[in-house]
């Protein structure tokens, strides 16, 4: 696994699980920020799209 050239599999697994953890956190954060009245266009866009 580690002797081959290229990107090792643990990098893919780390990226995959990191994405699984980070994406829901950002969705909740954007929804909360939009609900609190922040003027971020991206936050309001995500909030409207989810609801």
PDB file of N, CA and C in Angstrom:
ATOM      1  N   UNK A   1       0.838  -1.205   0.000  1.00  0.00           N
ATOM      2  CA  UNK A   1       0.000   0.000   0.000  1.00  0.00           C
ATOM      3  C   UNK A   1       0.873   1.256   0.000  1.00  0.00           C
ATOM      4  N   UNK A   2       1.929   1.226   0.811  1.00  0.00           N
ATOM      5  CA  UNK A   2       2.754   2.421   0.937  1.00  0.00           C
ATOM      6  C   UNK A   2       3.931   2.420  -0.032  1.00  0.00           C
ATOM      7  N   UNK A   3       4.230   1.257  -0.658  1.00  0.00           N
ATOM      8  CA  UNK A   3       5.371   1.182  -1.545  1.00  0.00           C
ATOM      9  C   UNK A   3       5.053   1.637  -2.962  1.00  0.00           C
ATOM     10  N   UNK A   4       3.782   1.798  -3.287  1.00  0.00           N
ATOM     11  CA  UNK A   4       3.399   2.153  -4.646  1.00  0.00           C
ATOM     12  C   UNK A   4       3.425   3.666  -4.832  1.00  0.00           C
ATOM     13  N   UNK A   5       3.759   4.135  -6.027  1.00  0.00           N
ATOM     14  CA  UNK A   5       3.702   5.574  -6.298  1.00  0.00           C
ATOM     15  C   UNK A   5       2.254   6.054  -6.379  1.00  0.00           C
ATOM     16  N   UNK A   6       2.058   7.333  -6.121  1.00  0.00           N
ATOM     17  CA  UNK A   6       0.708   7.877  -6.180  1.00  0.00           C
ATOM     18  C   UNK A   6       0.183   8.181  -4.791  1.00  0.00           C
ATOM     19  N   UNK A   7      -1.107   8.462  -4.717  1.00  0.00           N
ATOM     20  CA  UNK A   7      -1.721   8.847  -3.446  1.00  0.00           C
ATOM     21  C   UNK A   7      -2.156   7.593  -2.701  1.00  0.00           C
ATOM     22  N   UNK A   8      -1.737   7.416  -1.457  1.00  0.00           N
ATOM     23  CA  UNK A   8      -2.131   6.235  -0.686  1.00  0.00           C
ATOM     24  C   UNK A   8      -3.615   6.256  -0.340  1.00  0.00           C
ATOM     25  N   UNK A   9      -4.149   5.082  -0.040  1.00  0.00           N
ATOM     26  CA  UNK A   9      -5.586   4.958   0.216  1.00  0.00           C
ATOM     27  C   UNK A   9      -6.011   5.664   1.490  1.00  0.00           C
ATOM     28  N   UNK A  10      -5.095   5.763   2.482  1.00  0.00           N
ATOM     29  CA  UNK A  10      -5.492   6.417   3.727  1.00  0.00           C
ATOM     30  C   UNK A  10      -5.773   7.900   3.502  1.00  0.00           C
ATOM     31  N   UNK A  11      -5.178   8.481   2.467  1.00  0.00           N
ATOM     32  CA  UNK A  11      -5.480   9.875   2.147  1.00  0.00           C
ATOM     33  C   UNK A  11      -6.920  10.008   1.653  1.00  0.00           C
ATOM     34  N   UNK A  12      -7.338   9.049   0.816  1.00  0.00           N
ATOM     35  CA  UNK A  12      -8.724   9.072   0.332  1.00  0.00           C
ATOM     36  C   UNK A  12      -9.708   8.856   1.476  1.00  0.00           C
ATOM     37  N   UNK A  13      -9.386   7.924   2.380  1.00  0.00           N
ATOM     38  CA  UNK A  13     -10.271   7.663   3.512  1.00  0.00           C
ATOM     39  C   UNK A  13     -10.350   8.877   4.429  1.00  0.00           C
ATOM     40  N   UNK A  14      -9.202   9.524   4.656  1.00  0.00           N
ATOM     41  CA  UNK A  14      -9.185  10.706   5.518  1.00  0.00           C
ATOM     42  C   UNK A  14     -10.027  11.819   4.912  1.00  0.00           C
ATOM     43  N   UNK A  15      -9.880  12.023   3.599  1.00  0.00           N
ATOM     44  CA  UNK A  15     -10.666  13.058   2.929  1.00  0.00           C
ATOM     45  C   UNK A  15     -12.153  12.727   2.961  1.00  0.00           C
ATOM     46  N   UNK A  16     -12.484  11.450   2.772  1.00  0.00           N
ATOM     47  CA  UNK A  16     -13.882  11.028   2.741  1.00  0.00           C
ATOM     48  C   UNK A  16     -14.562  11.243   4.090  1.00  0.00           C
ATOM     49  N   UNK A  17     -13.920  10.765   5.172  1.00  0.00           N
ATOM     50  CA  UNK A  17     -14.525  10.918   6.493  1.00  0.00           C
ATOM     51  C   UNK A  17     -14.519  12.369   6.943  1.00  0.00           C
ATOM     52  N   UNK A  18     -13.503  13.116   6.525  1.00  0.00           N
ATOM     53  CA  UNK A  18     -13.470  14.540   6.853  1.00  0.00           C
ATOM     54  C   UNK A  18     -14.633  15.263   6.186  1.00  0.00           C
ATOM     55  N   UNK A  19     -14.925  14.889   4.935  1.00  0.00           N
ATOM     56  CA  UNK A  19     -16.048  15.503   4.231  1.00  0.00           C
ATOM     57  C   UNK A  19     -17.375  15.121   4.891  1.00  0.00           C
ATOM     58  N   UNK A  20     -17.496  13.868   5.320  1.00  0.00           N
ATOM     59  CA  UNK A  20     -18.730  13.430   5.977  1.00  0.00           C
ATOM     60  C   UNK A  20     -18.980  14.216   7.256  1.00  0.00           C
ATOM     61  N   UNK A  21     -17.900  14.594   7.945  1.00  0.00           N
ATOM     62  CA  UNK A  21     -18.058  15.324   9.198  1.00  0.00           C
ATOM     63  C   UNK A  21     -18.264  16.815   8.964  1.00  0.00           C
ATOM     64  N   UNK A  22     -17.547  17.376   7.982  1.00  0.00           N
ATOM     65  CA  UNK A  22     -17.541  18.828   7.811  1.00  0.00           C
ATOM     66  C   UNK A  22     -18.790  19.342   7.099  1.00  0.00           C
ATOM     67  N   UNK A  23     -19.263  18.605   6.086  1.00  0.00           N
ATOM     68  CA  UNK A  23     -20.382  19.107   5.282  1.00  0.00           C
ATOM     69  C   UNK A  23     -21.653  19.341   6.111  1.00  0.00           C
ATOM     70  N   UNK A  24     -22.107  18.387   6.957  1.00  0.00           N
ATOM     71  CA  UNK A  24     -23.295  18.667   7.774  1.00  0.00           C
ATOM     72  C   UNK A  24     -23.086  19.820   8.750  1.00  0.00           C
ATOM     73  N   UNK A  25     -21.866  19.955   9.290  1.00  0.00           N
ATOM     74  CA  UNK A  25     -21.579  21.056  10.214  1.00  0.00           C
ATOM     75  C   UNK A  25     -21.720  22.389   9.494  1.00  0.00           C
ATOM     76  N   UNK A  26     -21.228  22.476   8.260  1.00  0.00           N
ATOM     77  CA  UNK A  26     -21.333  23.721   7.520  1.00  0.00           C
ATOM     78  C   UNK A  26     -22.771  24.011   7.121  1.00  0.00           C
ATOM     79  N   UNK A  27     -23.548  22.978   6.803  1.00  0.00           N
ATOM     80  CA  UNK A  27     -24.958  23.187   6.462  1.00  0.00           C
ATOM     81  C   UNK A  27     -25.702  23.773   7.663  1.00  0.00           C
ATOM     82  N   UNK A  28     -25.475  23.193   8.844  1.00  0.00           N
ATOM     83  CA  UNK A  28     -26.125  23.706  10.053  1.00  0.00           C
ATOM     84  C   UNK A  28     -25.641  25.114  10.355  1.00  0.00           C
ATOM     85  N   UNK A  29     -24.343  25.360  10.170  1.00  0.00           N
ATOM     86  CA  UNK A  29     -23.788  26.684  10.450  1.00  0.00           C
ATOM     87  C   UNK A  29     -24.380  27.730   9.519  1.00  0.00           C
ATOM     88  N   UNK A  30     -24.498  27.401   8.227  1.00  0.00           N
ATOM     89  CA  UNK A  30     -25.056  28.353   7.270  1.00  0.00           C
ATOM     90  C   UNK A  30     -26.533  28.606   7.555  1.00  0.00           C
ATOM     91  N   UNK A  31     -27.273  27.568   7.935  1.00  0.00           N
ATOM     92  CA  UNK A  31     -28.688  27.749   8.266  1.00  0.00           C
ATOM     93  C   UNK A  31     -28.837  28.633   9.497  1.00  0.00           C
ATOM     94  N   UNK A  32     -27.967  28.423  10.498  1.00  0.00           N
ATOM     95  CA  UNK A  32     -28.052  29.215  11.723  1.00  0.00           C
ATOM     96  C   UNK A  32     -27.679  30.666  11.460  1.00  0.00           C
ATOM     97  N   UNK A  33     -26.628  30.858  10.662  1.00  0.00           N
ATOM     98  CA  UNK A  33     -26.199  32.224  10.360  1.00  0.00           C
ATOM     99  C   UNK A  33     -27.265  32.954   9.550  1.00  0.00           C
ATOM    100  N   UNK A  34     -27.910  32.261   8.617  1.00  0.00           N
ATOM    101  CA  UNK A  34     -28.953  32.894   7.821  1.00  0.00           C
ATOM    102  C   UNK A  34     -30.156  33.231   8.702  1.00  0.00           C
ATOM    103  N   UNK A  35     -30.463  32.346   9.644  1.00  0.00           N
ATOM    104  CA  UNK A  35     -31.606  32.570  10.520  1.00  0.00           C
ATOM    105  C   UNK A  35     -31.339  33.719  11.485  1.00  0.00           C
ATOM    106  N   UNK A  36     -30.059  33.914  11.840  1.00  0.00           N
ATOM    107  CA  UNK A  36     -29.689  34.988  12.758  1.00  0.00           C
ATOM    108  C   UNK A  36     -29.632  36.347  12.061  1.00  0.00           C
ATOM    109  N   UNK A  37     -29.800  36.369  10.748  1.00  0.00           N
ATOM    110  CA  UNK A  37     -29.883  37.638  10.046  1.00  0.00           C
ATOM    111  C   UNK A  37     -28.570  38.114   9.464  1.00  0.00           C
ATOM    112  N   UNK A  38     -27.603  37.225   9.256  1.00  0.00           N
ATOM    113  CA  UNK A  38     -26.364  37.634   8.602  1.00  0.00           C
ATOM    114  C   UNK A  38     -26.645  37.977   7.144  1.00  0.00           C
ATOM    115  N   UNK A  39     -25.825  38.851   6.582  1.00  0.00           N
ATOM    116  CA  UNK A  39     -26.068  39.330   5.224  1.00  0.00           C
ATOM    117  C   UNK A  39     -25.253  38.552   4.194  1.00  0.00           C
ATOM    118  N   UNK A  40     -24.753  37.373   4.571  1.00  0.00           N
ATOM    119  CA  UNK A  40     -23.988  36.570   3.626  1.00  0.00           C
ATOM    120  C   UNK A  40     -24.923  36.004   2.561  1.00  0.00           C
ATOM    121  N   UNK A  41     -24.610  36.253   1.295  1.00  0.00           N
ATOM    122  CA  UNK A  41     -25.445  35.756   0.204  1.00  0.00           C
ATOM    123  C   UNK A  41     -25.448  34.237   0.182  1.00  0.00           C
ATOM    124  N   UNK A  42     -24.263  33.626   0.422  1.00  0.00           N
ATOM    125  CA  UNK A  42     -24.174  32.171   0.364  1.00  0.00           C
ATOM    126  C   UNK A  42     -24.972  31.542   1.499  1.00  0.00           C
ATOM    127  N   UNK A  43     -24.930  32.130   2.671  1.00  0.00           N
ATOM    128  CA  UNK A  43     -25.668  31.584   3.803  1.00  0.00           C
ATOM    129  C   UNK A  43     -27.176  31.650   3.528  1.00  0.00           C
ATOM    130  N   UNK A  44     -27.649  32.788   3.032  1.00  0.00           N
ATOM    131  CA  UNK A  44     -29.076  32.914   2.753  1.00  0.00           C
ATOM    132  C   UNK A  44     -29.497  31.992   1.605  1.00  0.00           C
ATOM    133  N   UNK A  45     -28.602  31.802   0.638  1.00  0.00           N
ATOM    134  CA  UNK A  45     -28.928  30.935  -0.491  1.00  0.00           C
ATOM    135  C   UNK A  45     -29.088  29.491  -0.028  1.00  0.00           C
ATOM    136  N   UNK A  46     -28.198  29.037   0.851  1.00  0.00           N
ATOM    137  CA  UNK A  46     -28.300  27.677   1.377  1.00  0.00           C
ATOM    138  C   UNK A  46     -29.542  27.546   2.241  1.00  0.00           C
ATOM    139  N   UNK A  47     -29.833  28.565   3.032  1.00  0.00           N
ATOM    140  CA  UNK A  47     -30.994  28.521   3.919  1.00  0.00           C
ATOM    141  C   UNK A  47     -32.292  28.424   3.115  1.00  0.00           C
ATOM    142  N   UNK A  48     -32.390  29.195   2.057  1.00  0.00           N
ATOM    143  CA  UNK A  48     -33.594  29.168   1.228  1.00  0.00           C
ATOM    144  C   UNK A  48     -33.696  27.836   0.496  1.00  0.00           C
ATOM    145  N   UNK A  49     -32.557  27.319   0.033  1.00  0.00           N
ATOM    146  CA  UNK A  49     -32.580  26.079  -0.727  1.00  0.00           C
ATOM    147  C   UNK A  49     -32.977  24.894   0.154  1.00  0.00           C
ATOM    148  N   UNK A  50     -32.531  24.890   1.415  1.00  0.00           N
ATOM    149  CA  UNK A  50     -32.836  23.773   2.290  1.00  0.00           C
ATOM    150  C   UNK A  50     -34.286  23.809   2.741  1.00  0.00           C
ATOM    151  N   UNK A  51     -34.860  24.992   2.861  1.00  0.00           N
ATOM    152  CA  UNK A  51     -36.254  25.109   3.247  1.00  0.00           C
ATOM    153  C   UNK A  51     -37.098  25.421   2.001  1.00  0.00           C
TER     154      UNK A  51
END
